[in-house]
Protein backbone atom coordinates (compact mmCIF):
# COMPACT_ATOMS: atom_id res chain seq x y z
CA UNK A 1 0.00 0.00 0.00
CA UNK A 2 1.39 3.39 -0.90
CA UNK A 3 0.64 6.98 -0.01
CA UNK A 4 1.84 10.23 -1.60
CA UNK A 5 3.92 12.79 0.27
CA UNK A 6 2.43 16.30 0.09
CA UNK A 7 4.43 19.50 -0.41
CA UNK A 8 4.11 20.03 3.38
CA UNK A 9 5.73 16.66 4.08
CA UNK A 10 2.46 15.03 5.12
CA UNK A 11 1.34 11.50 4.34
CA UNK A 12 -2.12 10.01 4.81
CA UNK A 13 -2.07 6.92 7.01
CA UNK A 14 -4.39 4.41 5.33
CA UNK A 15 -7.68 3.76 7.14
CA UNK A 16 -7.01 0.10 7.95
CA UNK A 17 -3.79 1.12 9.77
CA UNK A 18 -5.46 4.04 11.57
CA UNK A 19 -8.18 1.65 12.72
CA UNK A 20 -5.63 -0.98 13.79
CA UNK A 21 -3.64 1.57 15.81
CA UNK A 22 -6.76 3.25 17.21
CA UNK A 23 -5.74 6.59 15.72
CA UNK A 24 -8.35 9.34 15.73
CA UNK A 25 -8.09 12.91 14.42
CA UNK A 26 -5.61 14.82 16.57
CA UNK A 27 -3.92 11.64 17.90
CA UNK A 28 -0.16 11.71 18.41
CA UNK A 29 1.80 9.38 16.16
CA UNK A 30 5.32 8.15 16.86
CA UNK A 31 7.93 7.16 14.28
CA UNK A 32 11.07 5.08 14.74
CA UNK A 33 13.59 3.33 12.51
CA UNK A 34 13.81 -0.43 12.44
CA UNK A 35 17.00 -2.48 12.16
CA UNK A 36 16.66 -2.85 8.38
CA UNK A 37 15.88 0.82 7.68
CA UNK A 38 12.11 0.43 7.79
CA UNK A 39 10.02 3.17 9.38
CA UNK A 40 7.83 2.00 12.26
CA UNK A 41 4.69 3.96 13.06
CA UNK A 42 2.88 3.64 16.39
CA UNK A 43 0.26 5.48 18.39
CA UNK A 44 2.48 7.73 20.52
CA UNK A 45 0.00 8.16 23.35
CA UNK A 46 -1.07 4.52 23.57
CA UNK A 47 -1.17 3.45 27.24
CA UNK A 48 1.17 0.65 28.25
CA UNK A 49 -0.66 -2.50 29.34
CA UNK A 50 -1.36 -2.53 33.07
CA UNK A 51 -0.42 1.12 33.52
CA UNK A 52 -2.37 4.30 34.21
CA UNK A 53 -6.11 4.76 34.05
CA UNK A 54 -6.76 1.62 31.99
CA UNK A 55 -5.34 -0.58 34.75
CA UNK A 56 -8.62 -0.34 36.67
CA UNK A 57 -10.97 -0.58 33.69
CA UNK A 58 -11.25 -4.36 34.03
CA UNK A 59 -12.65 -4.14 37.57
CA UNK A 60 -14.62 -0.89 37.33
CA UNK A 61 -18.23 -1.48 38.34
CA UNK A 62 -17.70 -5.06 39.52
CA UNK A 63 -17.87 -4.65 43.32
CA UNK A 64 -20.76 -6.64 44.74
CA UNK A 65 -21.66 -5.42 48.25
CA UNK A 66 -25.27 -6.44 48.63
CA UNK A 67 -26.04 -2.86 49.71
CA UNK A 68 -28.02 -0.19 47.92
CA UNK A 69 -26.46 3.11 46.93
CA UNK A 70 -28.34 4.84 49.77
CA UNK A 71 -27.01 2.31 52.29
CA UNK A 72 -23.44 2.81 51.04
CA UNK A 73 -23.79 6.61 51.18
CA UNK A 74 -25.08 6.40 54.76
CA UNK A 75 -22.11 4.24 55.68
CA UNK A 76 -19.55 6.44 53.90
CA UNK A 77 -20.97 9.69 55.21
CA UNK A 78 -21.35 8.38 58.76
CA UNK A 79 -25.08 9.08 58.91
CA UNK A 80 -25.31 6.40 61.60
CA UNK A 81 -23.34 8.69 63.92
CA UNK A 82 -25.78 11.61 63.47
CA UNK A 83 -28.97 10.67 61.58
CA UNK A 84 -29.92 14.39 61.28
CA UNK A 85 -26.74 15.26 59.37
CA UNK A 86 -27.60 15.26 55.65
CA UNK A 87 -23.90 15.12 54.78
CA UNK A 88 -23.75 18.65 53.39
CA UNK A 89 -20.98 19.98 55.61
Foldseek 3Di string as FASTA:
>chain_A
DDWDQDPVRDTDDDPVVCVVQVNDPPFDKDWDADPVRDIDIHRPPDDDPCDDPVVCVVCPPPDDDVDDPVVVCCVVLVCVVPVVDPSPD
